[in-house]
Amino acid sequence: MVLRRCIPKDKFDLAAIENAADVGYPAIIPLLPDLLEWVQDANWPVAEPTALLLAKAGPEIVPYIREILTSDDGMWKCWAIDLVVKSCSFRTRSELQADLVQLVSAPSQNDFGQ
């Protein structure tokens, strides 16, 4: 299967996420940054199934989550944590612990309604 069929074309493209799930890990690891873009808004139909798939990525997702957590996009941080991080394995969450503590300890103006 062609990997580009695993990236949604719009917020309603649930078939792309089904394709990604069918391809599975480790084949879709190169798509993690592209797939994470689809959890920027939990109201999008594609967000929740994408997040459930991403939560299974394992530690390979950590650098991409870190990029989000250090970005200026407070809402994306919120949704990434709520939709993806909380469903990740204990090991993956442990690798993100320092990043999450930093976010709570020193939120920016854009974080969580600050």
PDB file of N, CA and C in Angstrom:
ATOM      1  N   MET A   1       0.846  -1.184   0.000  1.00  0.00           N
ATOM      2  CA  MET A   1       0.000   0.000   0.000  1.00  0.00           C
ATOM      3  C   MET A   1       0.889   1.244   0.000  1.00  0.00           C
ATOM      4  N   VAL A   2       0.485   2.238  -0.712  1.00  0.00           N
ATOM      5  CA  VAL A   2       1.235   3.474  -0.784  1.00  0.00           C
ATOM      6  C   VAL A   2       1.015   4.270   0.502  1.00  0.00           C
ATOM      7  N   LEU A   3       2.103   4.711   1.116  1.00  0.00           N
ATOM      8  CA  LEU A   3       1.999   5.402   2.403  1.00  0.00           C
ATOM      9  C   LEU A   3       1.219   6.704   2.320  1.00  0.00           C
ATOM     10  N   ARG A   4       1.233   7.367   1.166  1.00  0.00           N
ATOM     11  CA  ARG A   4       0.499   8.637   1.091  1.00  0.00           C
ATOM     12  C   ARG A   4      -1.002   8.437   1.275  1.00  0.00           C
ATOM     13  N   ARG A   5      -1.484   7.225   1.086  1.00  0.00           N
ATOM     14  CA  ARG A   5      -2.901   6.924   1.326  1.00  0.00           C
ATOM     15  C   ARG A   5      -3.208   6.809   2.812  1.00  0.00           C
ATOM     16  N   CYS A   6      -2.180   6.900   3.639  1.00  0.00           N
ATOM     17  CA  CYS A   6      -2.331   6.790   5.090  1.00  0.00           C
ATOM     18  C   CYS A   6      -2.403   8.159   5.762  1.00  0.00           C
ATOM     19  N   ILE A   7      -2.310   9.217   5.002  1.00  0.00           N
ATOM     20  CA  ILE A   7      -2.372  10.573   5.543  1.00  0.00           C
ATOM     21  C   ILE A   7      -3.690  11.198   5.085  1.00  0.00           C
ATOM     22  N   PRO A   8      -4.503  11.644   6.033  1.00  0.00           N
ATOM     23  CA  PRO A   8      -5.790  12.231   5.651  1.00  0.00           C
ATOM     24  C   PRO A   8      -5.629  13.424   4.708  1.00  0.00           C
ATOM     25  N   LYS A   9      -6.570  13.529   3.794  1.00  0.00           N
ATOM     26  CA  LYS A   9      -6.609  14.663   2.872  1.00  0.00           C
ATOM     27  C   LYS A   9      -7.430  15.805   3.449  1.00  0.00           C
ATOM     28  N   ASP A  10      -8.347  15.469   4.364  1.00  0.00           N
ATOM     29  CA  ASP A  10      -9.162  16.476   5.039  1.00  0.00           C
ATOM     30  C   ASP A  10      -9.629  15.893   6.364  1.00  0.00           C
ATOM     31  N   LYS A  11     -10.322  16.698   7.153  1.00  0.00           N
ATOM     32  CA  LYS A  11     -10.701  16.286   8.502  1.00  0.00           C
ATOM     33  C   LYS A  11     -11.753  15.175   8.556  1.00  0.00           C
ATOM     34  N   PHE A  12     -12.288  14.798   7.393  1.00  0.00           N
ATOM     35  CA  PHE A  12     -13.282  13.728   7.325  1.00  0.00           C
ATOM     36  C   PHE A  12     -12.709  12.428   6.746  1.00  0.00           C
ATOM     37  N   ASP A  13     -11.433  12.409   6.415  1.00  0.00           N
ATOM     38  CA  ASP A  13     -10.820  11.275   5.712  1.00  0.00           C
ATOM     39  C   ASP A  13     -10.457  10.140   6.672  1.00  0.00           C
ATOM     40  N   LEU A  14     -11.473   9.486   7.187  1.00  0.00           N
ATOM     41  CA  LEU A  14     -11.271   8.364   8.105  1.00  0.00           C
ATOM     42  C   LEU A  14     -10.661   7.162   7.398  1.00  0.00           C
ATOM     43  N   ALA A  15     -10.886   7.040   6.097  1.00  0.00           N
ATOM     44  CA  ALA A  15     -10.320   5.919   5.342  1.00  0.00           C
ATOM     45  C   ALA A  15      -8.798   5.948   5.382  1.00  0.00           C
ATOM     46  N   ALA A  16      -8.207   7.129   5.380  1.00  0.00           N
ATOM     47  CA  ALA A  16      -6.748   7.229   5.439  1.00  0.00           C
ATOM     48  C   ALA A  16      -6.222   6.658   6.748  1.00  0.00           C
ATOM     49  N   ILE A  17      -6.913   6.924   7.844  1.00  0.00           N
ATOM     50  CA  ILE A  17      -6.477   6.395   9.144  1.00  0.00           C
ATOM     51  C   ILE A  17      -6.679   4.885   9.191  1.00  0.00           C
ATOM     52  N   GLU A  18      -7.739   4.398   8.572  1.00  0.00           N
ATOM     53  CA  GLU A  18      -7.918   2.947   8.476  1.00  0.00           C
ATOM     54  C   GLU A  18      -6.782   2.328   7.671  1.00  0.00           C
ATOM     55  N   ASN A  19      -6.372   2.990   6.593  1.00  0.00           N
ATOM     56  CA  ASN A  19      -5.237   2.509   5.797  1.00  0.00           C
ATOM     57  C   ASN A  19      -3.968   2.475   6.646  1.00  0.00           C
ATOM     58  N   ALA A  20      -3.750   3.532   7.404  1.00  0.00           N
ATOM     59  CA  ALA A  20      -2.556   3.595   8.261  1.00  0.00           C
ATOM     60  C   ALA A  20      -2.572   2.474   9.291  1.00  0.00           C
ATOM     61  N   ALA A  21      -3.733   2.222   9.873  1.00  0.00           N
ATOM     62  CA  ALA A  21      -3.843   1.139  10.849  1.00  0.00           C
ATOM     63  C   ALA A  21      -3.582  -0.213  10.194  1.00  0.00           C
ATOM     64  N   ASP A  22      -4.051  -0.379   8.965  1.00  0.00           N
ATOM     65  CA  ASP A  22      -3.812  -1.630   8.243  1.00  0.00           C
ATOM     66  C   ASP A  22      -2.331  -1.821   7.936  1.00  0.00           C
ATOM     67  N   VAL A  23      -1.665  -0.746   7.545  1.00  0.00           N
ATOM     68  CA  VAL A  23      -0.216  -0.822   7.265  1.00  0.00           C
ATOM     69  C   VAL A  23       0.527  -1.094   8.559  1.00  0.00           C
ATOM     70  N   GLY A  24       0.171  -0.362   9.617  1.00  0.00           N
ATOM     71  CA  GLY A  24       0.716  -0.586  10.952  1.00  0.00           C
ATOM     72  C   GLY A  24       2.155  -0.150  11.146  1.00  0.00           C
ATOM     73  N   TYR A  25       2.611  -0.416  12.373  1.00  0.00           N
ATOM     74  CA  TYR A  25       3.982  -0.107  12.758  1.00  0.00           C
ATOM     75  C   TYR A  25       4.852  -1.307  12.453  1.00  0.00           C
ATOM     76  N   PRO A  26       6.072  -1.092  12.070  1.00  0.00           N
ATOM     77  CA  PRO A  26       6.861   0.142  12.020  1.00  0.00           C
ATOM     78  C   PRO A  26       6.744   0.911  10.703  1.00  0.00           C
ATOM     79  N   ALA A  27       5.988   0.399   9.744  1.00  0.00           N
ATOM     80  CA  ALA A  27       5.945   1.017   8.410  1.00  0.00           C
ATOM     81  C   ALA A  27       5.487   2.468   8.427  1.00  0.00           C
ATOM     82  N   ILE A  28       4.570   2.823   9.336  1.00  0.00           N
ATOM     83  CA  ILE A  28       4.056   4.190   9.320  1.00  0.00           C
ATOM     84  C   ILE A  28       4.845   5.165  10.206  1.00  0.00           C
ATOM     85  N   ILE A  29       5.917   4.723  10.820  1.00  0.00           N
ATOM     86  CA  ILE A  29       6.716   5.616  11.664  1.00  0.00           C
ATOM     87  C   ILE A  29       7.155   6.881  10.917  1.00  0.00           C
ATOM     88  N   PRO A  30       7.554   6.809   9.656  1.00  0.00           N
ATOM     89  CA  PRO A  30       7.923   8.054   8.964  1.00  0.00           C
ATOM     90  C   PRO A  30       6.760   9.045   8.818  1.00  0.00           C
ATOM     91  N   LEU A  31       5.531   8.583   9.014  1.00  0.00           N
ATOM     92  CA  LEU A  31       4.356   9.442   8.869  1.00  0.00           C
ATOM     93  C   LEU A  31       3.935  10.113  10.169  1.00  0.00           C
ATOM     94  N   LEU A  32       4.608   9.829  11.270  1.00  0.00           N
ATOM     95  CA  LEU A  32       4.183  10.360  12.562  1.00  0.00           C
ATOM     96  C   LEU A  32       4.003  11.879  12.564  1.00  0.00           C
ATOM     97  N   PRO A  33       4.949  12.663  12.032  1.00  0.00           N
ATOM     98  CA  PRO A  33       4.740  14.119  12.042  1.00  0.00           C
ATOM     99  C   PRO A  33       3.497  14.540  11.249  1.00  0.00           C
ATOM    100  N   ASP A  34       3.276  13.909  10.109  1.00  0.00           N
ATOM    101  CA  ASP A  34       2.101  14.235   9.290  1.00  0.00           C
ATOM    102  C   ASP A  34       0.807  13.849   9.997  1.00  0.00           C
ATOM    103  N   LEU A  35       0.807  12.703  10.646  1.00  0.00           N
ATOM    104  CA  LEU A  35      -0.394  12.242  11.343  1.00  0.00           C
ATOM    105  C   LEU A  35      -0.691  13.099  12.571  1.00  0.00           C
ATOM    106  N   LEU A  36       0.348  13.560  13.249  1.00  0.00           N
ATOM    107  CA  LEU A  36       0.134  14.406  14.424  1.00  0.00           C
ATOM    108  C   LEU A  36      -0.583  15.708  14.073  1.00  0.00           C
ATOM    109  N   GLU A  37      -0.440  16.171  12.869  1.00  0.00           N
ATOM    110  CA  GLU A  37      -1.140  17.393  12.461  1.00  0.00           C
ATOM    111  C   GLU A  37      -2.656  17.224  12.542  1.00  0.00           C
ATOM    112  N   TRP A  38      -3.122  15.994  12.470  1.00  0.00           N
ATOM    113  CA  TRP A  38      -4.562  15.735  12.472  1.00  0.00           C
ATOM    114  C   TRP A  38      -5.153  15.617  13.868  1.00  0.00           C
ATOM    115  N   VAL A  39      -4.347  15.885  14.900  1.00  0.00           N
ATOM    116  CA  VAL A  39      -4.880  15.957  16.265  1.00  0.00           C
ATOM    117  C   VAL A  39      -4.819  17.395  16.787  1.00  0.00           C
ATOM    118  N   GLN A  40      -4.701  18.350  15.888  1.00  0.00           N
ATOM    119  CA  GLN A  40      -4.658  19.757  16.291  1.00  0.00           C
ATOM    120  C   GLN A  40      -6.011  20.255  16.775  1.00  0.00           C
ATOM    121  N   ASP A  41      -7.068  19.573  16.422  1.00  0.00           N
ATOM    122  CA  ASP A  41      -8.413  19.985  16.836  1.00  0.00           C
ATOM    123  C   ASP A  41      -9.231  18.727  17.105  1.00  0.00           C
ATOM    124  N   ALA A  42      -9.598  18.521  18.351  1.00  0.00           N
ATOM    125  CA  ALA A  42     -10.337  17.322  18.742  1.00  0.00           C
ATOM    126  C   ALA A  42     -11.731  17.274  18.135  1.00  0.00           C
ATOM    127  N   ASN A  43     -12.198  18.373  17.588  1.00  0.00           N
ATOM    128  CA  ASN A  43     -13.518  18.397  16.963  1.00  0.00           C
ATOM    129  C   ASN A  43     -13.520  17.790  15.563  1.00  0.00           C
ATOM    130  N   TRP A  44     -12.360  17.615  14.983  1.00  0.00           N
ATOM    131  CA  TRP A  44     -12.277  17.003  13.662  1.00  0.00           C
ATOM    132  C   TRP A  44     -12.603  15.513  13.794  1.00  0.00           C
ATOM    133  N   PRO A  45     -13.430  14.976  12.928  1.00  0.00           N
ATOM    134  CA  PRO A  45     -13.766  13.546  13.007  1.00  0.00           C
ATOM    135  C   PRO A  45     -12.536  12.632  12.960  1.00  0.00           C
ATOM    136  N   VAL A  46     -11.504  13.044  12.275  1.00  0.00           N
ATOM    137  CA  VAL A  46     -10.323  12.218  12.114  1.00  0.00           C
ATOM    138  C   VAL A  46      -9.405  12.252  13.344  1.00  0.00           C
ATOM    139  N   ALA A  47      -9.596  13.216  14.245  1.00  0.00           N
ATOM    140  CA  ALA A  47      -8.674  13.413  15.368  1.00  0.00           C
ATOM    141  C   ALA A  47      -8.588  12.212  16.313  1.00  0.00           C
ATOM    142  N   GLU A  48      -9.723  11.735  16.787  1.00  0.00           N
ATOM    143  CA  GLU A  48      -9.695  10.647  17.772  1.00  0.00           C
ATOM    144  C   GLU A  48      -9.116   9.342  17.225  1.00  0.00           C
ATOM    145  N   PRO A  49      -9.552   8.861  16.056  1.00  0.00           N
ATOM    146  CA  PRO A  49      -8.933   7.629  15.556  1.00  0.00           C
ATOM    147  C   PRO A  49      -7.444   7.803  15.238  1.00  0.00           C
ATOM    148  N   THR A  50      -7.065   8.982  14.810  1.00  0.00           N
ATOM    149  CA  THR A  50      -5.641   9.247  14.560  1.00  0.00           C
ATOM    150  C   THR A  50      -4.870   9.182  15.871  1.00  0.00           C
ATOM    151  N   ALA A  51      -5.411   9.794  16.899  1.00  0.00           N
ATOM    152  CA  ALA A  51      -4.753   9.798  18.207  1.00  0.00           C
ATOM    153  C   ALA A  51      -4.600   8.378  18.763  1.00  0.00           C
ATOM    154  N   LEU A  52      -5.627   7.569  18.613  1.00  0.00           N
ATOM    155  CA  LEU A  52      -5.540   6.184  19.101  1.00  0.00           C
ATOM    156  C   LEU A  52      -4.451   5.412  18.374  1.00  0.00           C
ATOM    157  N   LEU A  53      -4.318   5.670  17.084  1.00  0.00           N
ATOM    158  CA  LEU A  53      -3.254   5.033  16.311  1.00  0.00           C
ATOM    159  C   LEU A  53      -1.883   5.547  16.754  1.00  0.00           C
ATOM    160  N   LEU A  54      -1.768   6.847  16.931  1.00  0.00           N
ATOM    161  CA  LEU A  54      -0.494   7.449  17.336  1.00  0.00           C
ATOM    162  C   LEU A  54      -0.051   6.984  18.723  1.00  0.00           C
ATOM    163  N   ALA A  55      -0.988   6.756  19.600  1.00  0.00           N
ATOM    164  CA  ALA A  55      -0.657   6.329  20.957  1.00  0.00           C
ATOM    165  C   ALA A  55       0.034   4.973  20.973  1.00  0.00           C
ATOM    166  N   LYS A  56      -0.106   4.214  19.896  1.00  0.00           N
ATOM    167  CA  LYS A  56       0.524   2.898  19.799  1.00  0.00           C
ATOM    168  C   LYS A  56       1.924   2.949  19.194  1.00  0.00           C
ATOM    169  N   ALA A  57       2.381   4.146  18.844  1.00  0.00           N
ATOM    170  CA  ALA A  57       3.665   4.285  18.155  1.00  0.00           C
ATOM    171  C   ALA A  57       4.850   3.888  19.016  1.00  0.00           C
ATOM    172  N   GLY A  58       4.712   3.994  20.320  1.00  0.00           N
ATOM    173  CA  GLY A  58       5.837   3.710  21.197  1.00  0.00           C
ATOM    174  C   GLY A  58       6.766   4.902  21.291  1.00  0.00           C
ATOM    175  N   PRO A  59       7.970   4.679  21.767  1.00  0.00           N
ATOM    176  CA  PRO A  59       8.896   5.785  22.015  1.00  0.00           C
ATOM    177  C   PRO A  59       9.292   6.563  20.761  1.00  0.00           C
ATOM    178  N   GLU A  60       9.026   6.030  19.592  1.00  0.00           N
ATOM    179  CA  GLU A  60       9.349   6.740  18.352  1.00  0.00           C
ATOM    180  C   GLU A  60       8.581   8.056  18.227  1.00  0.00           C
ATOM    181  N   ILE A  61       7.478   8.179  18.933  1.00  0.00           N
ATOM    182  CA  ILE A  61       6.674   9.398  18.839  1.00  0.00           C
ATOM    183  C   ILE A  61       7.201  10.522  19.737  1.00  0.00           C
ATOM    184  N   VAL A  62       8.047  10.197  20.695  1.00  0.00           N
ATOM    185  CA  VAL A  62       8.508  11.170  21.688  1.00  0.00           C
ATOM    186  C   VAL A  62       9.100  12.439  21.071  1.00  0.00           C
ATOM    187  N   PRO A  63      10.026  12.368  20.121  1.00  0.00           N
ATOM    188  CA  PRO A  63      10.583  13.628  19.601  1.00  0.00           C
ATOM    189  C   PRO A  63       9.538  14.515  18.930  1.00  0.00           C
ATOM    190  N   TYR A  64       8.537  13.914  18.331  1.00  0.00           N
ATOM    191  CA  TYR A  64       7.494  14.690  17.654  1.00  0.00           C
ATOM    192  C   TYR A  64       6.541  15.338  18.661  1.00  0.00           C
ATOM    193  N   ILE A  65       6.242  14.628  19.735  1.00  0.00           N
ATOM    194  CA  ILE A  65       5.432  15.216  20.801  1.00  0.00           C
ATOM    195  C   ILE A  65       6.212  16.357  21.448  1.00  0.00           C
ATOM    196  N   ARG A  66       7.504  16.166  21.652  1.00  0.00           N
ATOM    197  CA  ARG A  66       8.333  17.239  22.224  1.00  0.00           C
ATOM    198  C   ARG A  66       8.284  18.497  21.369  1.00  0.00           C
ATOM    199  N   GLU A  67       8.315  18.332  20.065  1.00  0.00           N
ATOM    200  CA  GLU A  67       8.224  19.500  19.172  1.00  0.00           C
ATOM    201  C   GLU A  67       6.926  20.254  19.411  1.00  0.00           C
ATOM    202  N   ILE A  68       5.846  19.524  19.582  1.00  0.00           N
ATOM    203  CA  ILE A  68       4.556  20.157  19.838  1.00  0.00           C
ATOM    204  C   ILE A  68       4.582  20.871  21.190  1.00  0.00           C
ATOM    205  N   LEU A  69       5.110  20.194  22.216  1.00  0.00           N
ATOM    206  CA  LEU A  69       5.120  20.758  23.566  1.00  0.00           C
ATOM    207  C   LEU A  69       5.993  21.999  23.681  1.00  0.00           C
ATOM    208  N   THR A  70       6.927  22.181  22.769  1.00  0.00           N
ATOM    209  CA  THR A  70       7.778  23.376  22.801  1.00  0.00           C
ATOM    210  C   THR A  70       7.353  24.406  21.757  1.00  0.00           C
ATOM    211  N   SER A  71       6.239  24.154  21.092  1.00  0.00           N
ATOM    212  CA  SER A  71       5.745  25.088  20.082  1.00  0.00           C
ATOM    213  C   SER A  71       4.970  26.227  20.749  1.00  0.00           C
ATOM    214  N   ASP A  72       4.498  27.145  19.937  1.00  0.00           N
ATOM    215  CA  ASP A  72       3.670  28.250  20.420  1.00  0.00           C
ATOM    216  C   ASP A  72       2.177  27.959  20.295  1.00  0.00           C
ATOM    217  N   ASP A  73       1.827  26.754  19.931  1.00  0.00           N
ATOM    218  CA  ASP A  73       0.432  26.395  19.697  1.00  0.00           C
ATOM    219  C   ASP A  73      -0.158  25.714  20.940  1.00  0.00           C
ATOM    220  N   GLY A  74      -0.708  26.529  21.827  1.00  0.00           N
ATOM    221  CA  GLY A  74      -1.249  26.016  23.083  1.00  0.00           C
ATOM    222  C   GLY A  74      -2.363  25.010  22.912  1.00  0.00           C
ATOM    223  N   MET A  75      -3.232  25.236  21.921  1.00  0.00           N
ATOM    224  CA  MET A  75      -4.331  24.284  21.712  1.00  0.00           C
ATOM    225  C   MET A  75      -3.818  22.942  21.204  1.00  0.00           C
ATOM    226  N   TRP A  76      -2.810  22.957  20.325  1.00  0.00           N
ATOM    227  CA  TRP A  76      -2.256  21.697  19.837  1.00  0.00           C
ATOM    228  C   TRP A  76      -1.617  20.936  20.990  1.00  0.00           C
ATOM    229  N   LYS A  77      -0.930  21.662  21.864  1.00  0.00           N
ATOM    230  CA  LYS A  77      -0.345  21.015  23.044  1.00  0.00           C
ATOM    231  C   LYS A  77      -1.438  20.328  23.854  1.00  0.00           C
ATOM    232  N   CYS A  78      -2.511  21.057  24.083  1.00  0.00           N
ATOM    233  CA  CYS A  78      -3.617  20.520  24.873  1.00  0.00           C
ATOM    234  C   CYS A  78      -4.178  19.243  24.250  1.00  0.00           C
ATOM    235  N   TRP A  79      -4.455  19.308  22.944  1.00  0.00           N
ATOM    236  CA  TRP A  79      -5.035  18.133  22.286  1.00  0.00           C
ATOM    237  C   TRP A  79      -4.033  16.989  22.178  1.00  0.00           C
ATOM    238  N   ALA A  80      -2.775  17.298  21.951  1.00  0.00           N
ATOM    239  CA  ALA A  80      -1.762  16.235  21.876  1.00  0.00           C
ATOM    240  C   ALA A  80      -1.670  15.491  23.203  1.00  0.00           C
ATOM    241  N   ILE A  81      -1.721  16.242  24.289  1.00  0.00           N
ATOM    242  CA  ILE A  81      -1.668  15.609  25.613  1.00  0.00           C
ATOM    243  C   ILE A  81      -2.947  14.819  25.868  1.00  0.00           C
ATOM    244  N   ASP A  82      -4.080  15.463  25.633  1.00  0.00           N
ATOM    245  CA  ASP A  82      -5.364  14.835  25.949  1.00  0.00           C
ATOM    246  C   ASP A  82      -5.690  13.644  25.050  1.00  0.00           C
ATOM    247  N   LEU A  83      -5.372  13.761  23.775  1.00  0.00           N
ATOM    248  CA  LEU A  83      -5.749  12.702  22.839  1.00  0.00           C
ATOM    249  C   LEU A  83      -4.674  11.626  22.657  1.00  0.00           C
ATOM    250  N   VAL A  84      -3.414  12.037  22.684  1.00  0.00           N
ATOM    251  CA  VAL A  84      -2.344  11.081  22.373  1.00  0.00           C
ATOM    252  C   VAL A  84      -1.589  10.657  23.623  1.00  0.00           C
ATOM    253  N   VAL A  85      -0.974  11.607  24.309  1.00  0.00           N
ATOM    254  CA  VAL A  85      -0.062  11.273  25.414  1.00  0.00           C
ATOM    255  C   VAL A  85      -0.756  10.454  26.496  1.00  0.00           C
ATOM    256  N   LYS A  86      -1.965  10.833  26.858  1.00  0.00           N
ATOM    257  CA  LYS A  86      -2.624  10.102  27.954  1.00  0.00           C
ATOM    258  C   LYS A  86      -2.935   8.649  27.587  1.00  0.00           C
ATOM    259  N   SER A  87      -2.940   8.335  26.293  1.00  0.00           N
ATOM    260  CA  SER A  87      -3.202   6.956  25.855  1.00  0.00           C
ATOM    261  C   SER A  87      -1.928   6.189  25.516  1.00  0.00           C
ATOM    262  N   CYS A  88      -0.781   6.850  25.601  1.00  0.00           N
ATOM    263  CA  CYS A  88       0.494   6.194  25.303  1.00  0.00           C
ATOM    264  C   CYS A  88       0.870   5.217  26.407  1.00  0.00           C
ATOM    265  N   SER A  89       1.822   4.388  26.105  1.00  0.00           N
ATOM    266  CA  SER A  89       2.325   3.439  27.095  1.00  0.00           C
ATOM    267  C   SER A  89       3.003   4.183  28.249  1.00  0.00           C
ATOM    268  N   PHE A  90       3.130   3.511  29.368  1.00  0.00           N
ATOM    269  CA  PHE A  90       3.812   4.092  30.526  1.00  0.00           C
ATOM    270  C   PHE A  90       5.230   4.505  30.149  1.00  0.00           C
ATOM    271  N   ARG A  91       5.907   3.677  29.387  1.00  0.00           N
ATOM    272  CA  ARG A  91       7.288   3.985  28.982  1.00  0.00           C
ATOM    273  C   ARG A  91       7.356   5.286  28.183  1.00  0.00           C
ATOM    274  N   THR A  92       6.456   5.442  27.242  1.00  0.00           N
ATOM    275  CA  THR A  92       6.441   6.652  26.419  1.00  0.00           C
ATOM    276  C   THR A  92       6.113   7.873  27.268  1.00  0.00           C
ATOM    277  N   ARG A  93       5.112   7.753  28.134  1.00  0.00           N
ATOM    278  CA  ARG A  93       4.770   8.871  29.015  1.00  0.00           C
ATOM    279  C   ARG A  93       5.930   9.209  29.937  1.00  0.00           C
ATOM    280  N   SER A  94       6.646   8.210  30.399  1.00  0.00           N
ATOM    281  CA  SER A  94       7.808   8.448  31.263  1.00  0.00           C
ATOM    282  C   SER A  94       8.883   9.251  30.543  1.00  0.00           C
ATOM    283  N   GLU A  95       9.083   8.958  29.260  1.00  0.00           N
ATOM    284  CA  GLU A  95      10.072   9.705  28.486  1.00  0.00           C
ATOM    285  C   GLU A  95       9.666  11.162  28.298  1.00  0.00           C
ATOM    286  N   LEU A  96       8.381  11.442  28.393  1.00  0.00           N
ATOM    287  CA  LEU A  96       7.874  12.804  28.235  1.00  0.00           C
ATOM    288  C   LEU A  96       7.667  13.524  29.564  1.00  0.00           C
ATOM    289  N   GLN A  97       7.921  12.854  30.671  1.00  0.00           N
ATOM    290  CA  GLN A  97       7.623  13.412  31.989  1.00  0.00           C
ATOM    291  C   GLN A  97       8.288  14.770  32.209  1.00  0.00           C
ATOM    292  N   ALA A  98       9.565  14.893  31.929  1.00  0.00           N
ATOM    293  CA  ALA A  98      10.252  16.167  32.155  1.00  0.00           C
ATOM    294  C   ALA A  98       9.656  17.284  31.301  1.00  0.00           C
ATOM    295  N   ASP A  99       9.266  16.959  30.079  1.00  0.00           N
ATOM    296  CA  ASP A  99       8.657  17.946  29.187  1.00  0.00           C
ATOM    297  C   ASP A  99       7.305  18.406  29.731  1.00  0.00           C
ATOM    298  N   LEU A 100       6.543  17.472  30.249  1.00  0.00           N
ATOM    299  CA  LEU A 100       5.224  17.796  30.793  1.00  0.00           C
ATOM    300  C   LEU A 100       5.348  18.606  32.082  1.00  0.00           C
ATOM    301  N   VAL A 101       6.306  18.247  32.924  1.00  0.00           N
ATOM    302  CA  VAL A 101       6.533  19.004  34.153  1.00  0.00           C
ATOM    303  C   VAL A 101       6.960  20.430  33.811  1.00  0.00           C
ATOM    304  N   GLN A 102       7.828  20.578  32.828  1.00  0.00           N
ATOM    305  CA  GLN A 102       8.259  21.905  32.394  1.00  0.00           C
ATOM    306  C   GLN A 102       7.074  22.733  31.909  1.00  0.00           C
ATOM    307  N   LEU A 103       6.204  22.123  31.161  1.00  0.00           N
ATOM    308  CA  LEU A 103       5.030  22.813  30.639  1.00  0.00           C
ATOM    309  C   LEU A 103       4.124  23.286  31.779  1.00  0.00           C
ATOM    310  N   VAL A 104       3.935  22.448  32.781  1.00  0.00           N
ATOM    311  CA  VAL A 104       3.088  22.807  33.920  1.00  0.00           C
ATOM    312  C   VAL A 104       3.773  23.870  34.777  1.00  0.00           C
ATOM    313  N   SER A 105       5.069  23.744  34.944  1.00  0.00           N
ATOM    314  CA  SER A 105       5.818  24.666  35.804  1.00  0.00           C
ATOM    315  C   SER A 105       5.979  26.056  35.206  1.00  0.00           C
ATOM    316  N   ALA A 106       6.109  26.117  33.889  1.00  0.00           N
ATOM    317  CA  ALA A 106       6.365  27.402  33.234  1.00  0.00           C
ATOM    318  C   ALA A 106       5.587  27.508  31.924  1.00  0.00           C
ATOM    319  N   PRO A 107       4.254  27.574  32.009  1.00  0.00           N
ATOM    320  CA  PRO A 107       3.466  27.678  30.776  1.00  0.00           C
ATOM    321  C   PRO A 107       3.693  29.033  30.099  1.00  0.00           C
ATOM    322  N   SER A 108       3.574  29.037  28.799  1.00  0.00           N
ATOM    323  CA  SER A 108       3.689  30.291  28.053  1.00  0.00           C
ATOM    324  C   SER A 108       2.330  30.986  28.026  1.00  0.00           C
ATOM    325  N   GLN A 109       2.286  32.162  27.458  1.00  0.00           N
ATOM    326  CA  GLN A 109       1.026  32.908  27.339  1.00  0.00           C
ATOM    327  C   GLN A 109       0.007  32.147  26.489  1.00  0.00           C
ATOM    328  N   ASN A 110       0.487  31.310  25.582  1.00  0.00           N
ATOM    329  CA  ASN A 110      -0.402  30.579  24.677  1.00  0.00           C
ATOM    330  C   ASN A 110      -0.907  29.259  25.248  1.00  0.00           C
ATOM    331  N   ASP A 111      -0.410  28.862  26.393  1.00  0.00           N
ATOM    332  CA  ASP A 111      -0.730  27.554  26.942  1.00  0.00           C
ATOM    333  C   ASP A 111      -1.969  27.564  27.811  1.00  0.00           C
ATOM    334  N   PHE A 112      -2.907  26.751  27.449  1.00  0.00           N
ATOM    335  CA  PHE A 112      -4.076  26.459  28.275  1.00  0.00           C
ATOM    336  C   PHE A 112      -4.779  27.699  28.810  1.00  0.00           C
ATOM    337  N   GLY A 113      -4.954  28.666  27.961  1.00  0.00           N
ATOM    338  CA  GLY A 113      -5.731  29.847  28.323  1.00  0.00           C
ATOM    339  C   GLY A 113      -5.001  30.830  29.208  1.00  0.00           C
ATOM    340  N   GLN A 114      -3.700  30.713  29.315  1.00  0.00           N
ATOM    341  CA  GLN A 114      -2.920  31.651  30.135  1.00  0.00           C
ATOM    342  C   GLN A 114      -2.938  33.036  29.556  1.00  0.00           C
TER     343      GLN A 114
END
